[in-house]
Structures are given as C-alpha cells and as structure tokens.
Amino acid sequence: MNNVSMPAWASEIISSYESGAAGCFVLHGNVNDRLLVPSQKGAELGGVQEFIMESLLPRFDVVLSYDPGQGLRVERGGETFSQWPSLKDGMDLPDEPLAAVRVLTHYFKYCKNLQAVGAESPKVAVVIRQAHLICPSIPNSHNHDLNAMASILRGWAADMRLQEHGQAAFLISENLNGLHPLVSRSPRVSAVEVPLPSEKEMGQVLE
C-alpha cells in the first residue's frame, strides 16, 4: 500500500471475504471521516468509498453505487455493465431506493446465471452509502417498501451468498443500530466498525 499500512478493519473484511465467511458487509462508526487512500502517487486523502474502491475492490470488473442523493451510478466497468441485456432494452437506472436495489439484485442474479452456464462473468461489487436512510430501523413499522428493502438486503447475504460468485456488497451506515434489524442482526451480514484513527494513522496523514 505504498508504505501506508492496511487498517485492521479493512484486513478483517479481506479475511472474511477470502475465507468465504461473508460477502455482504456493513461498515459503521467513523465512516464520514477522511483517511489515507493508496494511489499511484503514494497516498491521498479520501472517504470510505474511495478506500473501498482502491484498496478492497481493485480486481472487481464492475462497481456500482447508490445513495439517496445521487441515485444509482456506475463507478467502474461501464462498458461491461452496458452489455447487460436489460440495459440494452432501454432500462433506466432508477433514483428511488427500492427500485434501485431491485435492479442491483437483478444484475447480481444475471452474472450468477452466466457462471452457471459456463459463460464469462464479471466480478461485481455494490456500495450503498447512507444505508441507514434507505433502510432505517423503525420499530413496529408496517411500511411495505421498507420491509421489502430489508428483505432484499438480507437476501444478498443469506440467500445469494455473494462471495461464492465473486460478488460483494458494502452498506455504509453511521450507526449499526440505525439499520433495519433484518439487516443489522443477520448472522450472514458481517458488521465491521470503522474506528477513530489511531495515533499512527494520524501521523501518516500529517506526514
């Protein structure tokens, strides 16, 4: 990492993914802070998403992201993603959260089916920012869209077993308890806390 040490929380994610233990991660805690992100120049300051892109997902062919403000976006692999038949048929990338998550699920399944028939399939990762805003914990809620969202996100970890198909999902939330319990308490979802920077990390930033 160009003399920039890998944070313990990132090493935990890598270990869990490579061992097959988890493919869906909830990053919570100090997720809005700036941190060192490795680059060709050595290291640059960036956010958690930039760190995920550069340090955890360099070998993924397609990276998609979603947040409530910017909607669904293609961060990497636009040419590969454009070959998806559903997209060629004129499907628009939605801004509404439930519709966006359903599109992401559809694409995950499409790539999984390519593998099943022996065709070349891209490695796909999804990053959802502000996950606590689109899938919040609201006690005794009977909101159909919210419950559908929670069911889909839990299904990424439990039913789809993303890591077994070269896929990964990252949900970024300020507070783990702010997420719907179907997601935050799922044993198949790996909750990883991003702590405040250590003295060593702050020294590297200042340097």
C-alpha atoms as a PDB file:
ATOM      1  CA  MET A   1       0.000   0.000   0.000  1.00  0.00           C
ATOM      2  CA  ASN A   2       2.896   2.376  -0.736  1.00  0.00           C
ATOM      3  CA  ASN A   3       4.083   2.427   2.919  1.00  0.00           C
ATOM      4  CA  VAL A   4       0.522   3.036   4.111  1.00  0.00           C
ATOM      5  CA  SER A   5      -0.480   0.242   6.474  1.00  0.00           C
ATOM      6  CA  MET A   6      -3.773  -1.566   5.937  1.00  0.00           C
ATOM      7  CA  PRO A   7      -6.223  -0.672   8.740  1.00  0.00           C
ATOM      8  CA  ALA A   8      -7.325  -3.563  10.926  1.00  0.00           C
ATOM      9  CA  TRP A   9     -10.976  -3.163   9.873  1.00  0.00           C
ATOM     10  CA  ALA A  10     -10.014  -3.492   6.200  1.00  0.00           C
ATOM     11  CA  SER A  11      -7.891  -6.569   6.932  1.00  0.00           C
ATOM     12  CA  GLU A  12     -10.913  -8.067   8.703  1.00  0.00           C
ATOM     13  CA  ILE A  13     -13.033  -7.582   5.577  1.00  0.00           C
ATOM     14  CA  ILE A  14     -10.400  -9.137   3.326  1.00  0.00           C
ATOM     15  CA  SER A  15     -10.018 -12.135   5.636  1.00  0.00           C
ATOM     16  CA  SER A  16     -13.775 -12.708   5.884  1.00  0.00           C
ATOM     17  CA  TYR A  17     -14.265 -12.455   2.136  1.00  0.00           C
ATOM     18  CA  GLU A  18     -11.328 -14.641   1.113  1.00  0.00           C
ATOM     19  CA  SER A  19     -12.306 -17.329   3.629  1.00  0.00           C
ATOM     20  CA  GLY A  20     -15.849 -17.402   2.232  1.00  0.00           C
ATOM     21  CA  ALA A  21     -17.355 -16.340   5.545  1.00  0.00           C
ATOM     22  CA  ALA A  22     -19.076 -13.218   4.228  1.00  0.00           C
ATOM     23  CA  GLY A  23     -19.752 -11.272   1.060  1.00  0.00           C
ATOM     24  CA  CYS A  24     -22.046  -8.576   2.459  1.00  0.00           C
ATOM     25  CA  PHE A  25     -20.538  -6.054   4.865  1.00  0.00           C
ATOM     26  CA  VAL A  26     -21.987  -3.232   6.950  1.00  0.00           C
ATOM     27  CA  LEU A  27     -19.408  -0.538   7.646  1.00  0.00           C
ATOM     28  CA  HIS A  28     -20.411   1.641  10.586  1.00  0.00           C
ATOM     29  CA  GLY A  29     -18.861   4.057  13.038  1.00  0.00           C
ATOM     30  CA  ASN A  30     -16.364   6.615  11.784  1.00  0.00           C
ATOM     31  CA  VAL A  31     -17.475   6.302   8.166  1.00  0.00           C
ATOM     32  CA  ASN A  32     -17.637  10.014   7.353  1.00  0.00           C
ATOM     33  CA  ASP A  33     -14.039  10.789   8.238  1.00  0.00           C
ATOM     34  CA  ARG A  34     -11.185  11.249   5.769  1.00  0.00           C
ATOM     35  CA  LEU A  35      -8.479   8.590   5.608  1.00  0.00           C
ATOM     36  CA  LEU A  36      -5.430   7.681   3.575  1.00  0.00           C
ATOM     37  CA  VAL A  37      -6.233   6.031   0.268  1.00  0.00           C
ATOM     38  CA  PRO A  38      -3.360   4.435  -1.693  1.00  0.00           C
ATOM     39  CA  SER A  39      -2.763   5.866  -5.159  1.00  0.00           C
ATOM     40  CA  GLN A  40      -0.123   5.808  -7.870  1.00  0.00           C
ATOM     41  CA  LYS A  41       1.361   8.927  -6.284  1.00  0.00           C
ATOM     42  CA  GLY A  42       1.675   7.222  -2.906  1.00  0.00           C
ATOM     43  CA  ALA A  43      -1.406   8.103  -0.867  1.00  0.00           C
ATOM     44  CA  GLU A  44      -4.219  10.629  -0.957  1.00  0.00           C
ATOM     45  CA  LEU A  45      -6.941  11.699   1.432  1.00  0.00           C
ATOM     46  CA  GLY A  46     -10.335  10.286   0.591  1.00  0.00           C
ATOM     47  CA  GLY A  47     -13.544   8.903   2.021  1.00  0.00           C
ATOM     48  CA  VAL A  48     -14.511   5.366   2.954  1.00  0.00           C
ATOM     49  CA  GLN A  49     -15.968   4.703  -0.503  1.00  0.00           C
ATOM     50  CA  GLU A  50     -12.721   5.749  -2.200  1.00  0.00           C
ATOM     51  CA  PHE A  51     -10.819   3.460   0.157  1.00  0.00           C
ATOM     52  CA  ILE A  52     -13.144   0.563  -0.645  1.00  0.00           C
ATOM     53  CA  MET A  53     -12.735   1.165  -4.378  1.00  0.00           C
ATOM     54  CA  GLU A  54      -8.948   1.419  -4.368  1.00  0.00           C
ATOM     55  CA  SER A  55      -7.931  -0.949  -1.562  1.00  0.00           C
ATOM     56  CA  LEU A  56     -10.628  -3.623  -1.384  1.00  0.00           C
ATOM     57  CA  LEU A  57     -12.043  -3.802  -4.915  1.00  0.00           C
ATOM     58  CA  PRO A  58      -9.149  -3.297  -7.372  1.00  0.00           C
ATOM     59  CA  ARG A  59      -9.840  -6.627  -9.092  1.00  0.00           C
ATOM     60  CA  PHE A  60     -13.591  -6.173  -9.479  1.00  0.00           C
ATOM     61  CA  ASP A  61     -14.703  -5.528 -13.046  1.00  0.00           C
ATOM     62  CA  VAL A  62     -17.927  -3.650 -12.277  1.00  0.00           C
ATOM     63  CA  VAL A  63     -18.564  -1.450  -9.253  1.00  0.00           C
ATOM     64  CA  LEU A  64     -21.994   0.129  -8.776  1.00  0.00           C
ATOM     65  CA  SER A  65     -23.014   2.584  -6.082  1.00  0.00           C
ATOM     66  CA  TYR A  66     -26.212   4.030  -4.703  1.00  0.00           C
ATOM     67  CA  ASP A  67     -27.064   6.838  -2.330  1.00  0.00           C
ATOM     68  CA  PRO A  68     -30.321   8.744  -1.764  1.00  0.00           C
ATOM     69  CA  GLY A  69     -28.979  11.948  -3.287  1.00  0.00           C
ATOM     70  CA  GLN A  70     -27.252  10.733  -6.456  1.00  0.00           C
ATOM     71  CA  GLY A  71     -29.217   7.574  -7.172  1.00  0.00           C
ATOM     72  CA  LEU A  72     -27.718   4.531  -8.880  1.00  0.00           C
ATOM     73  CA  ARG A  73     -24.335   5.097 -10.524  1.00  0.00           C
ATOM     74  CA  VAL A  74     -21.689   3.092 -12.359  1.00  0.00           C
ATOM     75  CA  GLU A  75     -18.337   3.724 -10.675  1.00  0.00           C
ATOM     76  CA  ARG A  76     -16.278   1.260 -12.710  1.00  0.00           C
ATOM     77  CA  GLY A  77     -16.808  -1.032 -15.677  1.00  0.00           C
ATOM     78  CA  GLY A  78     -19.384   0.986 -17.565  1.00  0.00           C
ATOM     79  CA  GLU A  79     -18.617  -0.748 -20.846  1.00  0.00           C
ATOM     80  CA  THR A  80     -19.047  -4.177 -19.267  1.00  0.00           C
ATOM     81  CA  PHE A  81     -22.227  -3.141 -17.477  1.00  0.00           C
ATOM     82  CA  SER A  82     -23.660  -1.748 -20.727  1.00  0.00           C
ATOM     83  CA  GLN A  83     -23.642  -5.279 -22.179  1.00  0.00           C
ATOM     84  CA  TRP A  84     -26.367  -6.367 -19.751  1.00  0.00           C
ATOM     85  CA  PRO A  85     -29.373  -7.249 -21.948  1.00  0.00           C
ATOM     86  CA  SER A  86     -31.822  -5.472 -19.625  1.00  0.00           C
ATOM     87  CA  LEU A  87     -29.863  -2.255 -20.054  1.00  0.00           C
ATOM     88  CA  LYS A  88     -29.736  -2.697 -23.811  1.00  0.00           C
ATOM     89  CA  ASP A  89     -33.532  -2.972 -23.800  1.00  0.00           C
ATOM     90  CA  GLY A  90     -33.713   0.614 -22.574  1.00  0.00           C
ATOM     91  CA  MET A  91     -33.988   0.193 -18.818  1.00  0.00           C
ATOM     92  CA  ASP A  92     -33.204   3.428 -16.962  1.00  0.00           C
ATOM     93  CA  LEU A  93     -31.134   3.452 -13.781  1.00  0.00           C
ATOM     94  CA  PRO A  94     -33.618   4.416 -11.051  1.00  0.00           C
ATOM     95  CA  ASP A  95     -33.201   7.005  -8.303  1.00  0.00           C
ATOM     96  CA  GLU A  96     -35.868   5.557  -5.989  1.00  0.00           C
ATOM     97  CA  PRO A  97     -34.164   3.263  -3.416  1.00  0.00           C
ATOM     98  CA  LEU A  98     -36.310   0.140  -3.607  1.00  0.00           C
ATOM     99  CA  ALA A  99     -36.303   0.171  -7.411  1.00  0.00           C
ATOM    100  CA  ALA A 100     -32.520   0.676  -7.414  1.00  0.00           C
ATOM    101  CA  VAL A 101     -31.896  -2.219  -5.031  1.00  0.00           C
ATOM    102  CA  ARG A 102     -34.105  -4.455  -7.162  1.00  0.00           C
ATOM    103  CA  VAL A 103     -32.067  -3.529 -10.252  1.00  0.00           C
ATOM    104  CA  LEU A 104     -28.844  -4.343  -8.398  1.00  0.00           C
ATOM    105  CA  THR A 105     -30.277  -7.695  -7.314  1.00  0.00           C
ATOM    106  CA  HIS A 106     -31.327  -8.426 -10.881  1.00  0.00           C
ATOM    107  CA  TYR A 107     -27.792  -7.737 -12.102  1.00  0.00           C
ATOM    108  CA  PHE A 108     -26.251  -9.900  -9.384  1.00  0.00           C
ATOM    109  CA  LYS A 109     -28.510 -12.763 -10.477  1.00  0.00           C
ATOM    110  CA  TYR A 110     -27.737 -12.193 -14.171  1.00  0.00           C
ATOM    111  CA  CYS A 111     -23.998 -12.502 -13.520  1.00  0.00           C
ATOM    112  CA  LYS A 112     -24.584 -15.544 -11.343  1.00  0.00           C
ATOM    113  CA  ASN A 113     -26.554 -17.200 -14.166  1.00  0.00           C
ATOM    114  CA  LEU A 114     -23.703 -16.513 -16.597  1.00  0.00           C
ATOM    115  CA  GLN A 115     -21.438 -18.534 -14.322  1.00  0.00           C
ATOM    116  CA  ALA A 116     -23.976 -21.336 -14.117  1.00  0.00           C
ATOM    117  CA  VAL A 117     -23.881 -21.860 -17.891  1.00  0.00           C
ATOM    118  CA  GLY A 118     -20.103 -21.571 -18.083  1.00  0.00           C
ATOM    119  CA  ALA A 119     -20.023 -18.113 -19.693  1.00  0.00           C
ATOM    120  CA  GLU A 120     -17.589 -15.365 -18.759  1.00  0.00           C
ATOM    121  CA  SER A 121     -18.990 -13.349 -15.875  1.00  0.00           C
ATOM    122  CA  PRO A 122     -17.691 -10.065 -14.414  1.00  0.00           C
ATOM    123  CA  LYS A 123     -16.817  -9.695 -10.756  1.00  0.00           C
ATOM    124  CA  VAL A 124     -19.385  -7.243  -9.373  1.00  0.00           C
ATOM    125  CA  ALA A 125     -19.431  -5.131  -6.236  1.00  0.00           C
ATOM    126  CA  VAL A 126     -22.056  -2.745  -4.894  1.00  0.00           C
ATOM    127  CA  VAL A 127     -21.539   0.130  -2.454  1.00  0.00           C
ATOM    128  CA  ILE A 128     -24.597   1.660  -0.777  1.00  0.00           C
ATOM    129  CA  ARG A 129     -23.914   4.914   1.043  1.00  0.00           C
ATOM    130  CA  GLN A 130     -26.175   6.256   3.797  1.00  0.00           C
ATOM    131  CA  ALA A 131     -27.772   2.830   4.114  1.00  0.00           C
ATOM    132  CA  HIS A 132     -29.450   3.882   7.369  1.00  0.00           C
ATOM    133  CA  LEU A 133     -31.508   6.410   5.397  1.00  0.00           C
ATOM    134  CA  ILE A 134     -32.891   3.953   2.861  1.00  0.00           C
ATOM    135  CA  CYS A 135     -33.332   1.004   5.223  1.00  0.00           C
ATOM    136  CA  PRO A 136     -33.791   2.523   8.705  1.00  0.00           C
ATOM    137  CA  SER A 137     -34.748   0.810  11.906  1.00  0.00           C
ATOM    138  CA  ILE A 138     -38.311   1.909  12.645  1.00  0.00           C
ATOM    139  CA  PRO A 139     -39.935  -0.115  15.479  1.00  0.00           C
ATOM    140  CA  ASN A 140     -43.234  -1.799  14.610  1.00  0.00           C
ATOM    141  CA  SER A 141     -43.149  -0.423  11.085  1.00  0.00           C
ATOM    142  CA  HIS A 142     -45.680  -1.824   8.619  1.00  0.00           C
ATOM    143  CA  ASN A 143     -44.215   0.041   5.652  1.00  0.00           C
ATOM    144  CA  HIS A 144     -44.208  -2.409   2.742  1.00  0.00           C
ATOM    145  CA  ASP A 145     -41.364  -0.739   0.834  1.00  0.00           C
ATOM    146  CA  LEU A 146     -39.140  -0.608   3.909  1.00  0.00           C
ATOM    147  CA  ASN A 147     -39.736  -4.242   4.773  1.00  0.00           C
ATOM    148  CA  ALA A 148     -39.161  -5.246   1.150  1.00  0.00           C
ATOM    149  CA  MET A 149     -35.869  -3.333   1.151  1.00  0.00           C
ATOM    150  CA  ALA A 150     -34.699  -5.049   4.337  1.00  0.00           C
ATOM    151  CA  SER A 151     -35.667  -8.452   2.970  1.00  0.00           C
ATOM    152  CA  ILE A 152     -33.698  -7.891  -0.243  1.00  0.00           C
ATOM    153  CA  LEU A 153     -30.555  -6.652   1.520  1.00  0.00           C
ATOM    154  CA  ARG A 154     -30.657  -9.556   3.950  1.00  0.00           C
ATOM    155  CA  GLY A 155     -31.121 -11.877   0.983  1.00  0.00           C
ATOM    156  CA  TRP A 156     -27.880 -10.644  -0.588  1.00  0.00           C
ATOM    157  CA  ALA A 157     -26.007 -12.103   2.356  1.00  0.00           C
ATOM    158  CA  ALA A 158     -28.143 -15.120   3.213  1.00  0.00           C
ATOM    159  CA  ASP A 159     -29.688 -16.416   0.003  1.00  0.00           C
ATOM    160  CA  MET A 160     -27.385 -15.190  -2.763  1.00  0.00           C
ATOM    161  CA  ARG A 161     -24.071 -15.945  -0.987  1.00  0.00           C
ATOM    162  CA  LEU A 162     -22.300 -13.232  -2.938  1.00  0.00           C
ATOM    163  CA  GLN A 163     -18.775 -14.294  -2.007  1.00  0.00           C
ATOM    164  CA  GLU A 164     -19.281 -17.683  -3.662  1.00  0.00           C
ATOM    165  CA  HIS A 165     -19.864 -15.971  -7.021  1.00  0.00           C
ATOM    166  CA  GLY A 166     -17.148 -13.329  -6.988  1.00  0.00           C
ATOM    167  CA  GLN A 167     -19.552 -10.640  -5.833  1.00  0.00           C
ATOM    168  CA  ALA A 168     -19.567  -8.282  -2.849  1.00  0.00           C
ATOM    169  CA  ALA A 169     -21.775  -5.655  -1.214  1.00  0.00           C
ATOM    170  CA  PHE A 170     -20.894  -2.842   1.181  1.00  0.00           C
ATOM    171  CA  LEU A 171     -23.547  -0.984   3.167  1.00  0.00           C
ATOM    172  CA  ILE A 172     -22.204   2.195   4.780  1.00  0.00           C
ATOM    173  CA  SER A 173     -24.128   3.371   7.843  1.00  0.00           C
ATOM    174  CA  GLU A 174     -23.206   5.878  10.536  1.00  0.00           C
ATOM    175  CA  ASN A 175     -24.825   3.751  13.227  1.00  0.00           C
ATOM    176  CA  LEU A 176     -25.349  -0.001  13.163  1.00  0.00           C
ATOM    177  CA  ASN A 177     -28.484   0.318  15.305  1.00  0.00           C
ATOM    178  CA  GLY A 178     -29.893   2.751  12.750  1.00  0.00           C
ATOM    179  CA  LEU A 179     -30.226  -0.056  10.202  1.00  0.00           C
ATOM    180  CA  HIS A 180     -33.281  -2.288   9.958  1.00  0.00           C
ATOM    181  CA  PRO A 181     -32.768  -5.270  12.310  1.00  0.00           C
ATOM    182  CA  LEU A 182     -33.360  -7.769   9.483  1.00  0.00           C
ATOM    183  CA  VAL A 183     -30.084  -6.476   8.057  1.00  0.00           C
ATOM    184  CA  SER A 184     -28.041  -5.444  11.097  1.00  0.00           C
ATOM    185  CA  ARG A 185     -28.812  -8.623  13.050  1.00  0.00           C
ATOM    186  CA  SER A 186     -28.481 -11.099  10.212  1.00  0.00           C
ATOM    187  CA  PRO A 187     -25.777 -13.669  11.050  1.00  0.00           C
ATOM    188  CA  ARG A 188     -24.784 -13.693   7.377  1.00  0.00           C
ATOM    189  CA  VAL A 189     -24.021  -9.969   7.319  1.00  0.00           C
ATOM    190  CA  SER A 190     -20.585  -9.002   8.601  1.00  0.00           C
ATOM    191  CA  ALA A 191     -20.738  -5.781  10.639  1.00  0.00           C
ATOM    192  CA  VAL A 192     -17.369  -4.014  10.664  1.00  0.00           C
ATOM    193  CA  GLU A 193     -16.745  -0.930  12.763  1.00  0.00           C
ATOM    194  CA  VAL A 194     -14.520   1.789  11.333  1.00  0.00           C
ATOM    195  CA  PRO A 195     -12.831   3.260  14.430  1.00  0.00           C
ATOM    196  CA  LEU A 196     -11.409   6.694  15.061  1.00  0.00           C
ATOM    197  CA  PRO A 197      -7.897   6.981  13.607  1.00  0.00           C
ATOM    198  CA  SER A 198      -5.016   5.780  15.733  1.00  0.00           C
ATOM    199  CA  GLU A 199      -2.009   7.936  16.616  1.00  0.00           C
ATOM    200  CA  LYS A 200      -0.004   6.134  13.914  1.00  0.00           C
ATOM    201  CA  GLU A 201      -2.666   6.766  11.279  1.00  0.00           C
ATOM    202  CA  MET A 202      -2.934  10.437  12.202  1.00  0.00           C
ATOM    203  CA  GLY A 203       0.841  10.680  11.936  1.00  0.00           C
ATOM    204  CA  GLN A 204       0.748   9.184   8.436  1.00  0.00           C
ATOM    205  CA  VAL A 205      -1.912  11.703   7.397  1.00  0.00           C
ATOM    206  CA  LEU A 206       0.088  14.644   8.724  1.00  0.00           C
ATOM    207  CA  GLU A 207       3.245  13.339   7.055  1.00  0.00           C
END
